[in-house]
Amino acid sequence: MADPKPLVLSVPHPRSIDLIFDAPSKDQLFSRYEVLETEADDLADLDDKTLGRARYILGQPPLSDELLARLGNLRCVFNVESNLIDNMPYETLFSRGVHVVTTGAVFAQPVAELGLAMALNLARGILPADQAFREGREVWGGDGNLRARTLEDSDIGIIGFGDLGRALRRVLSGFRARIRVFDPWLPPSMLRDHDVIPATLDEVLETSATIFVVAAITSENRALLDAKALSRMPDGAGLILLSRADIVDFDALMAEVRSGRITAASDVFPEEPLPKQHPVRDLDGFIRSAHRAGALDSAFRKMGEMVLEDMALLDRGLPPQRCKRAERETVNRMRSRPVAIN
């Protein structure tokens, strides 16, 4: 009798197998593995034999030490959100040699591209000019560019330099800008290898005409950009928030924009969906995007490709390579909230 296929417990809420895998990839998944689709709340109710056979978990449901003890054959947890979640005993997983990986890298390029669009909008006033034209109050020629600036040969700051920060560096390469980066988790030589200038947070804030905030939220950087920090930005500068809203004091950011001193754009907000009465909705000088920067079918499909390739490596006793592995030293510092909407 042939050996049973390896078992995958599929719990990718709010994403689904059909969202993550295109038809050929889904066929590969189901031909190579037995896939049991379940809900996070039902995992513990599965019988010991089923849990004991599970090789992979697709998703990042909460796992207790007790549940992990029943998952004796588990080799990898495939997080299919963009950030790791503080909902399982990572030390236990590491001690057992179980990998926890994330497919968040698929979002880097599409988010970077939307971030560039936002930066160009802030620098050139594209949306306000369009609205003025619609209302018959357009200003022609140079008189319509009194506060406009170019990205070329400008000073740009990036806060955080993971996959998204590096994708931003690539899309900004044609502007020949001076790019300063603040990332306390990376050594200066790694930043210089990417042709950016290692900098302190104050240096980024005080010298940059455009600042991209792309750092993951951790136990150390919640409200990192408070009123005092934001006040260091030069008059006329623009801030683009692309990672998580908790890294910014959002009320302080709105106050700076309301004053007319800076402009801002954001793809993320303190509450999602945002309440209809939230004051940011009608704030001039603020570009709003409903957490859609990376939410493309092409990105979701790449998740399935990454998962299948890393499962194949793990099946051969090799470590995963396509997905990003959680690190023992930093994973417990992550403070991201689970996504509720794709």
C-alpha atoms as a PDB file:
ATOM      1  CA  MET A   1       0.000   0.000   0.000  1.00  0.00           C
ATOM      2  CA  ALA A   2       1.353   3.428  -0.988  1.00  0.00           C
ATOM      3  CA  ASP A   3       2.323   5.813   1.768  1.00  0.00           C
ATOM      4  CA  PRO A   4      -0.338   8.452   2.432  1.00  0.00           C
ATOM      5  CA  LYS A   5       0.266  11.906   1.090  1.00  0.00           C
ATOM      6  CA  PRO A   6       1.686  14.463   3.528  1.00  0.00           C
ATOM      7  CA  LEU A   7      -1.109  16.321   5.288  1.00  0.00           C
ATOM      8  CA  VAL A   8      -1.577  20.083   5.003  1.00  0.00           C
ATOM      9  CA  LEU A   9      -3.917  21.820   7.429  1.00  0.00           C
ATOM     10  CA  SER A  10      -5.349  24.770   5.510  1.00  0.00           C
ATOM     11  CA  VAL A  11      -6.387  27.700   7.724  1.00  0.00           C
ATOM     12  CA  PRO A  12      -5.503  30.779   5.645  1.00  0.00           C
ATOM     13  CA  HIS A  13      -8.329  33.082   6.826  1.00  0.00           C
ATOM     14  CA  PRO A  14      -9.223  35.659   5.575  1.00  0.00           C
ATOM     15  CA  ARG A  15      -7.565  34.397   2.413  1.00  0.00           C
ATOM     16  CA  SER A  16      -8.635  31.213   0.692  1.00  0.00           C
ATOM     17  CA  ILE A  17      -6.960  28.483  -1.292  1.00  0.00           C
ATOM     18  CA  ASP A  18      -8.686  29.735  -4.443  1.00  0.00           C
ATOM     19  CA  LEU A  19      -7.292  33.229  -3.860  1.00  0.00           C
ATOM     20  CA  ILE A  20      -3.730  32.090  -3.209  1.00  0.00           C
ATOM     21  CA  PHE A  21      -3.431  29.322  -5.811  1.00  0.00           C
ATOM     22  CA  ASP A  22      -4.263  29.568  -9.497  1.00  0.00           C
ATOM     23  CA  ALA A  23      -5.755  26.471 -11.107  1.00  0.00           C
ATOM     24  CA  PRO A  24      -2.453  24.748 -12.047  1.00  0.00           C
ATOM     25  CA  SER A  25      -0.918  25.469  -8.640  1.00  0.00           C
ATOM     26  CA  LYS A  26      -4.034  24.252  -6.871  1.00  0.00           C
ATOM     27  CA  ASP A  27      -3.859  21.035  -8.876  1.00  0.00           C
ATOM     28  CA  GLN A  28      -0.235  20.613  -7.750  1.00  0.00           C
ATOM     29  CA  LEU A  29      -1.168  21.231  -4.136  1.00  0.00           C
ATOM     30  CA  PHE A  30      -3.932  18.630  -4.113  1.00  0.00           C
ATOM     31  CA  SER A  31      -1.997  16.072  -6.152  1.00  0.00           C
ATOM     32  CA  ARG A  32       1.065  16.200  -3.882  1.00  0.00           C
ATOM     33  CA  TYR A  33      -0.670  16.616  -0.531  1.00  0.00           C
ATOM     34  CA  GLU A  34      -3.769  15.719   1.371  1.00  0.00           C
ATOM     35  CA  VAL A  35      -5.357  19.063   2.209  1.00  0.00           C
ATOM     36  CA  LEU A  36      -7.714  19.411   5.137  1.00  0.00           C
ATOM     37  CA  GLU A  37      -9.497  22.757   5.120  1.00  0.00           C
ATOM     38  CA  THR A  38     -10.644  23.853   8.550  1.00  0.00           C
ATOM     39  CA  GLU A  39     -11.130  26.911  10.774  1.00  0.00           C
ATOM     40  CA  ALA A  40      -8.791  28.217  13.453  1.00  0.00           C
ATOM     41  CA  ASP A  41     -11.352  27.589  16.196  1.00  0.00           C
ATOM     42  CA  ASP A  42     -11.761  23.964  15.085  1.00  0.00           C
ATOM     43  CA  LEU A  43      -8.089  22.951  15.006  1.00  0.00           C
ATOM     44  CA  ALA A  44      -7.983  21.746  18.596  1.00  0.00           C
ATOM     45  CA  ASP A  45     -11.065  19.580  17.993  1.00  0.00           C
ATOM     46  CA  LEU A  46      -9.321  17.490  15.357  1.00  0.00           C
ATOM     47  CA  ASP A  47      -8.410  13.990  16.514  1.00  0.00           C
ATOM     48  CA  ASP A  48      -4.865  13.198  17.625  1.00  0.00           C
ATOM     49  CA  LYS A  49      -4.182  10.966  14.622  1.00  0.00           C
ATOM     50  CA  THR A  50      -4.985  13.761  12.164  1.00  0.00           C
ATOM     51  CA  LEU A  51      -3.008  16.379  14.059  1.00  0.00           C
ATOM     52  CA  GLY A  52      -0.102  13.988  14.436  1.00  0.00           C
ATOM     53  CA  ARG A  53       0.084  13.507  10.660  1.00  0.00           C
ATOM     54  CA  ALA A  54       0.040  17.200   9.747  1.00  0.00           C
ATOM     55  CA  ARG A  55       3.292  18.269   8.088  1.00  0.00           C
ATOM     56  CA  TYR A  56       2.364  21.842   7.191  1.00  0.00           C
ATOM     57  CA  ILE A  57      -0.070  24.532   8.292  1.00  0.00           C
ATOM     58  CA  LEU A  58      -1.197  26.996   5.639  1.00  0.00           C
ATOM     59  CA  GLY A  59      -2.110  30.182   7.506  1.00  0.00           C
ATOM     60  CA  GLN A  60      -1.198  31.367  10.978  1.00  0.00           C
ATOM     61  CA  PRO A  61      -3.943  30.311  13.364  1.00  0.00           C
ATOM     62  CA  PRO A  62      -3.306  30.652  17.111  1.00  0.00           C
ATOM     63  CA  LEU A  63      -1.316  27.702  18.435  1.00  0.00           C
ATOM     64  CA  SER A  64      -0.901  26.819  22.098  1.00  0.00           C
ATOM     65  CA  ASP A  65       1.840  24.653  23.608  1.00  0.00           C
ATOM     66  CA  GLU A  66      -0.791  21.979  24.196  1.00  0.00           C
ATOM     67  CA  LEU A  67      -1.888  21.996  20.551  1.00  0.00           C
ATOM     68  CA  LEU A  68       1.715  22.000  19.339  1.00  0.00           C
ATOM     69  CA  ALA A  69       2.403  18.914  21.424  1.00  0.00           C
ATOM     70  CA  ARG A  70      -0.240  17.113  19.374  1.00  0.00           C
ATOM     71  CA  LEU A  71       1.300  18.336  16.086  1.00  0.00           C
ATOM     72  CA  GLY A  72       4.264  16.026  16.373  1.00  0.00           C
ATOM     73  CA  ASN A  73       5.076  15.904  12.635  1.00  0.00           C
ATOM     74  CA  LEU A  74       4.753  19.644  11.959  1.00  0.00           C
ATOM     75  CA  ARG A  75       7.603  21.078   9.902  1.00  0.00           C
ATOM     76  CA  CYS A  76       6.455  24.542   8.826  1.00  0.00           C
ATOM     77  CA  VAL A  77       3.762  27.164   9.396  1.00  0.00           C
ATOM     78  CA  PHE A  78       3.145  29.184   6.224  1.00  0.00           C
ATOM     79  CA  ASN A  79       1.850  32.605   7.216  1.00  0.00           C
ATOM     80  CA  VAL A  80      -0.025  34.040   4.212  1.00  0.00           C
ATOM     81  CA  GLU A  81      -0.516  37.496   5.672  1.00  0.00           C
ATOM     82  CA  SER A  82       2.096  40.202   5.230  1.00  0.00           C
ATOM     83  CA  ASN A  83       3.405  40.254   8.800  1.00  0.00           C
ATOM     84  CA  LEU A  84       4.072  37.662  11.469  1.00  0.00           C
ATOM     85  CA  ILE A  85       1.576  37.559  14.328  1.00  0.00           C
ATOM     86  CA  ASP A  86       2.251  37.179  18.041  1.00  0.00           C
ATOM     87  CA  ASN A  87      -0.131  34.261  18.497  1.00  0.00           C
ATOM     88  CA  MET A  88       2.035  31.181  19.066  1.00  0.00           C
ATOM     89  CA  PRO A  89       4.956  30.052  21.256  1.00  0.00           C
ATOM     90  CA  TYR A  90       7.801  30.711  18.853  1.00  0.00           C
ATOM     91  CA  GLU A  91      10.457  29.432  21.254  1.00  0.00           C
ATOM     92  CA  THR A  92       8.748  26.054  21.329  1.00  0.00           C
ATOM     93  CA  LEU A  93       8.588  25.978  17.547  1.00  0.00           C
ATOM     94  CA  PHE A  94      12.249  26.936  17.181  1.00  0.00           C
ATOM     95  CA  SER A  95      13.334  24.378  19.757  1.00  0.00           C
ATOM     96  CA  ARG A  96      11.551  21.696  17.731  1.00  0.00           C
ATOM     97  CA  GLY A  97      13.047  22.894  14.457  1.00  0.00           C
ATOM     98  CA  VAL A  98       9.676  23.970  13.054  1.00  0.00           C
ATOM     99  CA  HIS A  99       9.921  26.840  10.577  1.00  0.00           C
ATOM    100  CA  VAL A 100       7.522  29.786  10.600  1.00  0.00           C
ATOM    101  CA  VAL A 101       7.607  31.679   7.323  1.00  0.00           C
ATOM    102  CA  THR A 102       5.729  34.519   5.699  1.00  0.00           C
ATOM    103  CA  THR A 103       4.829  35.192   2.077  1.00  0.00           C
ATOM    104  CA  GLY A 104       4.715  38.954   2.651  1.00  0.00           C
ATOM    105  CA  ALA A 105       7.477  39.609   0.114  1.00  0.00           C
ATOM    106  CA  VAL A 106       4.895  39.267  -2.673  1.00  0.00           C
ATOM    107  CA  PHE A 107       3.495  42.652  -1.698  1.00  0.00           C
ATOM    108  CA  ALA A 108       6.774  44.585  -1.850  1.00  0.00           C
ATOM    109  CA  GLN A 109       6.767  45.553  -5.525  1.00  0.00           C
ATOM    110  CA  PRO A 110       3.077  46.520  -5.908  1.00  0.00           C
ATOM    111  CA  VAL A 111       3.161  48.504  -2.649  1.00  0.00           C
ATOM    112  CA  ALA A 112       6.360  50.251  -3.722  1.00  0.00           C
ATOM    113  CA  GLU A 113       4.799  51.211  -7.042  1.00  0.00           C
ATOM    114  CA  LEU A 114       1.734  52.711  -5.368  1.00  0.00           C
ATOM    115  CA  GLY A 115       4.042  54.481  -2.919  1.00  0.00           C
ATOM    116  CA  LEU A 116       5.873  56.058  -5.830  1.00  0.00           C
ATOM    117  CA  ALA A 117       2.554  57.195  -7.308  1.00  0.00           C
ATOM    118  CA  MET A 118       1.645  58.778  -3.975  1.00  0.00           C
ATOM    119  CA  ALA A 119       5.006  60.521  -3.741  1.00  0.00           C
ATOM    120  CA  LEU A 120       4.622  61.978  -7.235  1.00  0.00           C
ATOM    121  CA  ASN A 121       1.088  63.086  -6.380  1.00  0.00           C
ATOM    122  CA  LEU A 122       2.285  64.882  -3.253  1.00  0.00           C
ATOM    123  CA  ALA A 123       5.255  66.462  -5.026  1.00  0.00           C
ATOM    124  CA  ARG A 124       3.299  67.708  -8.038  1.00  0.00           C
ATOM    125  CA  GLY A 125      -0.172  68.268  -6.569  1.00  0.00           C
ATOM    126  CA  ILE A 126      -1.791  66.064  -9.199  1.00  0.00           C
ATOM    127  CA  LEU A 127      -5.011  65.219  -7.375  1.00  0.00           C
ATOM    128  CA  PRO A 128      -5.733  68.778  -6.121  1.00  0.00           C
ATOM    129  CA  ALA A 129      -5.032  70.124  -9.611  1.00  0.00           C
ATOM    130  CA  ASP A 130      -7.416  67.593 -11.136  1.00  0.00           C
ATOM    131  CA  GLN A 131     -10.125  68.478  -8.619  1.00  0.00           C
ATOM    132  CA  ALA A 132      -9.632  72.194  -9.302  1.00  0.00           C
ATOM    133  CA  PHE A 133      -9.966  71.538 -13.034  1.00  0.00           C
ATOM    134  CA  ARG A 134     -13.202  69.615 -12.486  1.00  0.00           C
ATOM    135  CA  GLU A 135     -14.569  72.571 -10.540  1.00  0.00           C
ATOM    136  CA  GLY A 136     -13.471  75.194 -13.074  1.00  0.00           C
ATOM    137  CA  ARG A 137     -10.885  76.835 -10.816  1.00  0.00           C
ATOM    138  CA  GLU A 138      -7.707  75.444 -12.391  1.00  0.00           C
ATOM    139  CA  VAL A 139      -4.500  77.488 -12.328  1.00  0.00           C
ATOM    140  CA  TRP A 140      -2.531  77.384 -15.575  1.00  0.00           C
ATOM    141  CA  GLY A 141       1.201  77.022 -16.167  1.00  0.00           C
ATOM    142  CA  GLY A 142       3.787  77.974 -13.609  1.00  0.00           C
ATOM    143  CA  ASP A 143       1.236  79.640 -11.353  1.00  0.00           C
ATOM    144  CA  GLY A 144      -0.138  76.139 -10.722  1.00  0.00           C
ATOM    145  CA  ASN A 145       3.241  74.865  -9.527  1.00  0.00           C
ATOM    146  CA  LEU A 146       4.058  77.263  -6.710  1.00  0.00           C
ATOM    147  CA  ARG A 147       4.527  74.422  -4.203  1.00  0.00           C
ATOM    148  CA  ALA A 148       5.520  71.721  -6.681  1.00  0.00           C
ATOM    149  CA  ARG A 149       8.846  69.931  -6.583  1.00  0.00           C
ATOM    150  CA  THR A 150      10.529  67.055  -8.373  1.00  0.00           C
ATOM    151  CA  LEU A 151      11.823  63.798  -6.983  1.00  0.00           C
ATOM    152  CA  GLU A 152      14.922  64.002  -9.167  1.00  0.00           C
ATOM    153  CA  ASP A 153      18.051  65.097  -7.290  1.00  0.00           C
ATOM    154  CA  SER A 154      15.989  65.423  -4.098  1.00  0.00           C
ATOM    155  CA  ASP A 155      16.439  64.117  -0.567  1.00  0.00           C
ATOM    156  CA  ILE A 156      14.328  61.069   0.175  1.00  0.00           C
ATOM    157  CA  GLY A 157      14.044  59.168   3.442  1.00  0.00           C
ATOM    158  CA  ILE A 158      12.958  55.584   4.037  1.00  0.00           C
ATOM    159  CA  ILE A 159      12.063  54.312   7.508  1.00  0.00           C
ATOM    160  CA  GLY A 160      12.514  50.542   7.515  1.00  0.00           C
ATOM    161  CA  PHE A 161      14.474  48.612   4.918  1.00  0.00           C
ATOM    162  CA  GLY A 162      13.003  45.157   4.604  1.00  0.00           C
ATOM    163  CA  ASP A 163      11.513  43.763   1.406  1.00  0.00           C
ATOM    164  CA  LEU A 164       9.340  46.841   0.877  1.00  0.00           C
ATOM    165  CA  GLY A 165      12.114  49.326   1.567  1.00  0.00           C
ATOM    166  CA  ARG A 166      14.356  47.557  -0.926  1.00  0.00           C
ATOM    167  CA  ALA A 167      11.613  47.489  -3.545  1.00  0.00           C
ATOM    168  CA  LEU A 168      11.185  51.236  -3.034  1.00  0.00           C
ATOM    169  CA  ARG A 169      14.901  51.722  -3.571  1.00  0.00           C
ATOM    170  CA  ARG A 170      14.579  49.956  -6.916  1.00  0.00           C
ATOM    171  CA  VAL A 171      11.615  52.009  -8.167  1.00  0.00           C
ATOM    172  CA  LEU A 172      13.306  55.232  -7.042  1.00  0.00           C
ATOM    173  CA  SER A 173      16.606  54.450  -8.760  1.00  0.00           C
ATOM    174  CA  GLY A 174      15.851  56.516 -11.863  1.00  0.00           C
ATOM    175  CA  PHE A 175      15.398  59.736  -9.898  1.00  0.00           C
ATOM    176  CA  ARG A 176      19.073  59.989  -8.865  1.00  0.00           C
ATOM    177  CA  ALA A 177      17.977  61.096  -5.406  1.00  0.00           C
ATOM    178  CA  ARG A 178      19.938  61.050  -2.164  1.00  0.00           C
ATOM    179  CA  ILE A 179      18.216  58.315  -0.185  1.00  0.00           C
ATOM    180  CA  ARG A 180      18.747  58.094   3.563  1.00  0.00           C
ATOM    181  CA  VAL A 181      17.536  55.041   5.453  1.00  0.00           C
ATOM    182  CA  PHE A 182      16.809  54.494   9.134  1.00  0.00           C
ATOM    183  CA  ASP A 183      16.636  50.843  10.137  1.00  0.00           C
ATOM    184  CA  PRO A 184      18.142  49.939  13.530  1.00  0.00           C
ATOM    185  CA  TRP A 185      17.895  46.214  12.761  1.00  0.00           C
ATOM    186  CA  LEU A 186      20.398  46.392   9.886  1.00  0.00           C
ATOM    187  CA  PRO A 187      24.138  47.149   9.924  1.00  0.00           C
ATOM    188  CA  PRO A 188      25.291  50.242   7.973  1.00  0.00           C
ATOM    189  CA  SER A 189      27.295  48.162   5.500  1.00  0.00           C
ATOM    190  CA  MET A 190      24.143  46.353   4.330  1.00  0.00           C
ATOM    191  CA  LEU A 191      22.467  49.682   3.673  1.00  0.00           C
ATOM    192  CA  ARG A 192      25.456  51.004   1.769  1.00  0.00           C
ATOM    193  CA  ASP A 193      25.436  47.814  -0.319  1.00  0.00           C
ATOM    194  CA  HIS A 194      22.007  48.942  -1.559  1.00  0.00           C
ATOM    195  CA  ASP A 195      23.389  52.380  -2.440  1.00  0.00           C
ATOM    196  CA  VAL A 196      21.535  54.199   0.320  1.00  0.00           C
ATOM    197  CA  ILE A 197      22.902  56.364   3.116  1.00  0.00           C
ATOM    198  CA  PRO A 198      22.634  54.931   6.658  1.00  0.00           C
ATOM    199  CA  ALA A 199      21.038  57.593   8.860  1.00  0.00           C
ATOM    200  CA  THR A 200      19.473  58.233  12.228  1.00  0.00           C
ATOM    201  CA  LEU A 201      15.758  58.827  12.490  1.00  0.00           C
ATOM    202  CA  ASP A 202      16.364  62.539  13.122  1.00  0.00           C
ATOM    203  CA  GLU A 203      18.559  62.778  10.025  1.00  0.00           C
ATOM    204  CA  VAL A 204      15.867  61.187   7.888  1.00  0.00           C
ATOM    205  CA  LEU A 205      13.170  63.455   9.294  1.00  0.00           C
ATOM    206  CA  GLU A 206      15.152  66.686   9.115  1.00  0.00           C
ATOM    207  CA  THR A 207      16.690  66.312   5.660  1.00  0.00           C
ATOM    208  CA  SER A 208      14.034  64.595   3.531  1.00  0.00           C
ATOM    209  CA  ALA A 209      11.552  66.262   1.230  1.00  0.00           C
ATOM    210  CA  THR A 210       9.807  62.901   0.849  1.00  0.00           C
ATOM    211  CA  ILE A 211       9.635  60.222   3.551  1.00  0.00           C
ATOM    212  CA  PHE A 212       8.380  56.682   3.085  1.00  0.00           C
ATOM    213  CA  VAL A 213       7.333  54.806   6.249  1.00  0.00           C
ATOM    214  CA  VAL A 214       7.604  51.092   5.528  1.00  0.00           C
ATOM    215  CA  ALA A 215       8.753  49.563   8.833  1.00  0.00           C
ATOM    216  CA  ALA A 216       6.837  46.681  10.369  1.00  0.00           C
ATOM    217  CA  ILE A 217       5.203  47.494  13.690  1.00  0.00           C
ATOM    218  CA  THR A 218       7.162  46.127  16.655  1.00  0.00           C
ATOM    219  CA  SER A 219       7.222  46.392  20.431  1.00  0.00           C
ATOM    220  CA  GLU A 220       9.802  49.170  20.013  1.00  0.00           C
ATOM    221  CA  ASN A 221       8.360  51.498  17.388  1.00  0.00           C
ATOM    222  CA  ARG A 222       4.677  52.002  18.160  1.00  0.00           C
ATOM    223  CA  ALA A 223       3.953  55.746  17.666  1.00  0.00           C
ATOM    224  CA  LEU A 224       7.604  56.218  16.726  1.00  0.00           C
ATOM    225  CA  LEU A 225       6.552  59.189  14.604  1.00  0.00           C
ATOM    226  CA  ASP A 226       4.858  61.273  17.281  1.00  0.00           C
ATOM    227  CA  ALA A 227       4.158  65.011  17.242  1.00  0.00           C
ATOM    228  CA  LYS A 228       7.738  65.867  18.204  1.00  0.00           C
ATOM    229  CA  ALA A 229       9.195  63.661  15.490  1.00  0.00           C
ATOM    230  CA  LEU A 230       6.823  64.952  12.810  1.00  0.00           C
ATOM    231  CA  SER A 231       7.655  68.547  13.731  1.00  0.00           C
ATOM    232  CA  ARG A 232      11.217  67.881  12.553  1.00  0.00           C
ATOM    233  CA  MET A 233      10.090  67.443   8.961  1.00  0.00           C
ATOM    234  CA  PRO A 234      10.887  70.394   6.677  1.00  0.00           C
ATOM    235  CA  ASP A 235       8.051  72.691   5.607  1.00  0.00           C
ATOM    236  CA  GLY A 236       6.517  71.398   2.394  1.00  0.00           C
ATOM    237  CA  ALA A 237       7.720  67.816   2.894  1.00  0.00           C
ATOM    238  CA  GLY A 238       5.522  64.814   2.158  1.00  0.00           C
ATOM    239  CA  LEU A 239       5.102  61.633   4.216  1.00  0.00           C
ATOM    240  CA  ILE A 240       3.870  58.371   2.687  1.00  0.00           C
ATOM    241  CA  LEU A 241       2.675  55.677   5.123  1.00  0.00           C
ATOM    242  CA  LEU A 242       2.647  52.183   3.610  1.00  0.00           C
ATOM    243  CA  SER A 243       3.286  49.628   6.376  1.00  0.00           C
ATOM    244  CA  ARG A 244       1.091  49.938   9.472  1.00  0.00           C
ATOM    245  CA  ALA A 245      -0.660  52.952  10.951  1.00  0.00           C
ATOM    246  CA  ASP A 246       0.435  52.167  14.516  1.00  0.00           C
ATOM    247  CA  ILE A 247       3.956  53.383  13.769  1.00  0.00           C
ATOM    248  CA  VAL A 248       2.590  56.951  13.490  1.00  0.00           C
ATOM    249  CA  ASP A 249       0.656  59.104  15.939  1.00  0.00           C
ATOM    250  CA  PHE A 250      -2.160  59.507  13.448  1.00  0.00           C
ATOM    251  CA  ASP A 251      -3.777  62.454  15.216  1.00  0.00           C
ATOM    252  CA  ALA A 252      -0.449  64.280  15.226  1.00  0.00           C
ATOM    253  CA  LEU A 253       0.021  63.514  11.529  1.00  0.00           C
ATOM    254  CA  MET A 254      -3.409  64.908  10.709  1.00  0.00           C
ATOM    255  CA  ALA A 255      -2.659  68.023  12.740  1.00  0.00           C
ATOM    256  CA  GLU A 256       0.539  68.659  10.779  1.00  0.00           C
ATOM    257  CA  VAL A 257      -1.288  68.224   7.482  1.00  0.00           C
ATOM    258  CA  ARG A 258      -4.208  70.371   8.617  1.00  0.00           C
ATOM    259  CA  SER A 259      -1.777  73.172   9.425  1.00  0.00           C
ATOM    260  CA  GLY A 260      -0.608  73.123   5.809  1.00  0.00           C
ATOM    261  CA  ARG A 261       3.008  72.611   6.825  1.00  0.00           C
ATOM    262  CA  ILE A 262       3.366  69.114   5.296  1.00  0.00           C
ATOM    263  CA  THR A 263       1.353  66.791   3.082  1.00  0.00           C
ATOM    264  CA  ALA A 264       0.749  63.078   3.559  1.00  0.00           C
ATOM    265  CA  ALA A 265      -0.583  59.919   1.937  1.00  0.00           C
ATOM    266  CA  SER A 266      -1.526  56.637   3.538  1.00  0.00           C
ATOM    267  CA  ASP A 267      -2.633  53.179   2.513  1.00  0.00           C
ATOM    268  CA  VAL A 268      -3.210  52.116   6.144  1.00  0.00           C
ATOM    269  CA  PHE A 269      -5.277  53.528   8.993  1.00  0.00           C
ATOM    270  CA  PRO A 270      -5.755  53.125  12.768  1.00  0.00           C
ATOM    271  CA  GLU A 271      -9.068  51.345  12.156  1.00  0.00           C
ATOM    272  CA  GLU A 272      -9.912  49.312   9.073  1.00  0.00           C
ATOM    273  CA  PRO A 273     -12.451  49.728   7.640  1.00  0.00           C
ATOM    274  CA  LEU A 274     -12.272  53.379   8.641  1.00  0.00           C
ATOM    275  CA  PRO A 275     -15.359  54.902  10.330  1.00  0.00           C
ATOM    276  CA  LYS A 276     -17.366  57.088   7.961  1.00  0.00           C
ATOM    277  CA  GLN A 277     -17.007  60.082  10.271  1.00  0.00           C
ATOM    278  CA  HIS A 278     -13.209  59.875  10.633  1.00  0.00           C
ATOM    279  CA  PRO A 279     -11.719  63.375  10.112  1.00  0.00           C
ATOM    280  CA  VAL A 280      -9.021  62.161   7.718  1.00  0.00           C
ATOM    281  CA  ARG A 281     -11.696  61.559   5.075  1.00  0.00           C
ATOM    282  CA  ASP A 282     -12.054  65.246   4.191  1.00  0.00           C
ATOM    283  CA  LEU A 283      -8.590  66.472   5.136  1.00  0.00           C
ATOM    284  CA  ASP A 284      -6.989  68.576   2.396  1.00  0.00           C
ATOM    285  CA  GLY A 285      -3.390  67.696   1.650  1.00  0.00           C
ATOM    286  CA  PHE A 286      -3.923  64.027   2.502  1.00  0.00           C
ATOM    287  CA  ILE A 287      -4.164  61.251  -0.101  1.00  0.00           C
ATOM    288  CA  ARG A 288      -6.140  58.215   1.077  1.00  0.00           C
ATOM    289  CA  SER A 289      -5.994  54.607  -0.174  1.00  0.00           C
ATOM    290  CA  ALA A 290      -8.070  51.827   1.386  1.00  0.00           C
ATOM    291  CA  HIS A 291      -5.262  49.337   2.203  1.00  0.00           C
ATOM    292  CA  ARG A 292      -5.191  48.272  -1.421  1.00  0.00           C
ATOM    293  CA  ALA A 293      -1.555  48.882  -2.341  1.00  0.00           C
ATOM    294  CA  GLY A 294      -0.574  45.208  -2.406  1.00  0.00           C
ATOM    295  CA  ALA A 295      -3.988  43.569  -2.752  1.00  0.00           C
ATOM    296  CA  LEU A 296      -3.619  42.382  -6.344  1.00  0.00           C
ATOM    297  CA  ASP A 297      -4.534  38.957  -7.707  1.00  0.00           C
ATOM    298  CA  SER A 298      -1.038  38.692  -9.168  1.00  0.00           C
ATOM    299  CA  ALA A 299       0.473  39.104  -5.688  1.00  0.00           C
ATOM    300  CA  PHE A 300      -1.893  36.606  -4.087  1.00  0.00           C
ATOM    301  CA  ARG A 301      -1.081  34.041  -6.770  1.00  0.00           C
ATOM    302  CA  LYS A 302       2.652  34.415  -6.111  1.00  0.00           C
ATOM    303  CA  MET A 303       1.955  33.305  -2.546  1.00  0.00           C
ATOM    304  CA  GLY A 304       0.859  29.912  -3.830  1.00  0.00           C
ATOM    305  CA  GLU A 305       3.979  29.585  -5.976  1.00  0.00           C
ATOM    306  CA  MET A 306       6.219  30.397  -3.008  1.00  0.00           C
ATOM    307  CA  VAL A 307       4.430  27.965  -0.711  1.00  0.00           C
ATOM    308  CA  LEU A 308       4.639  25.082  -3.189  1.00  0.00           C
ATOM    309  CA  GLU A 309       8.330  25.647  -3.887  1.00  0.00           C
ATOM    310  CA  ASP A 310       9.211  25.764  -0.196  1.00  0.00           C
ATOM    311  CA  MET A 311       7.076  22.729   0.594  1.00  0.00           C
ATOM    312  CA  ALA A 312       9.021  20.832  -2.080  1.00  0.00           C
ATOM    313  CA  LEU A 313      12.308  21.834  -0.434  1.00  0.00           C
ATOM    314  CA  LEU A 314      11.072  20.870   3.021  1.00  0.00           C
ATOM    315  CA  ASP A 315       9.862  17.523   1.684  1.00  0.00           C
ATOM    316  CA  ARG A 316      13.495  16.850   0.728  1.00  0.00           C
ATOM    317  CA  GLY A 317      14.812  17.821   4.155  1.00  0.00           C
ATOM    318  CA  LEU A 318      16.005  21.260   3.008  1.00  0.00           C
ATOM    319  CA  PRO A 319      15.150  24.656   4.536  1.00  0.00           C
ATOM    320  CA  PRO A 320      12.582  26.966   2.899  1.00  0.00           C
ATOM    321  CA  GLN A 321      14.075  29.599   0.600  1.00  0.00           C
ATOM    322  CA  ARG A 322      11.268  31.500  -1.140  1.00  0.00           C
ATOM    323  CA  CYS A 323       9.333  32.567   1.955  1.00  0.00           C
ATOM    324  CA  LYS A 324      10.870  34.754   4.637  1.00  0.00           C
ATOM    325  CA  ARG A 325      11.742  32.857   7.806  1.00  0.00           C
ATOM    326  CA  ALA A 326      10.899  34.154  11.256  1.00  0.00           C
ATOM    327  CA  GLU A 327      14.014  34.931  13.252  1.00  0.00           C
ATOM    328  CA  ARG A 328      14.386  33.829  16.868  1.00  0.00           C
ATOM    329  CA  GLU A 329      15.798  37.223  17.932  1.00  0.00           C
ATOM    330  CA  THR A 330      13.085  39.411  16.420  1.00  0.00           C
ATOM    331  CA  VAL A 331       9.851  37.477  15.951  1.00  0.00           C
ATOM    332  CA  ASN A 332       8.589  38.060  19.492  1.00  0.00           C
ATOM    333  CA  ARG A 333       8.960  41.814  18.959  1.00  0.00           C
ATOM    334  CA  MET A 334       6.432  41.866  16.119  1.00  0.00           C
ATOM    335  CA  ARG A 335       3.151  43.544  16.994  1.00  0.00           C
ATOM    336  CA  SER A 336       1.154  43.406  13.775  1.00  0.00           C
ATOM    337  CA  ARG A 337      -2.579  42.884  13.932  1.00  0.00           C
ATOM    338  CA  PRO A 338      -4.141  40.200  11.712  1.00  0.00           C
ATOM    339  CA  VAL A 339      -5.682  41.421   8.479  1.00  0.00           C
ATOM    340  CA  ALA A 340      -9.454  41.245   8.295  1.00  0.00           C
ATOM    341  CA  ILE A 341      -9.947  42.101   4.607  1.00  0.00           C
ATOM    342  CA  ASN A 342      -7.823  41.001   1.649  1.00  0.00           C
END
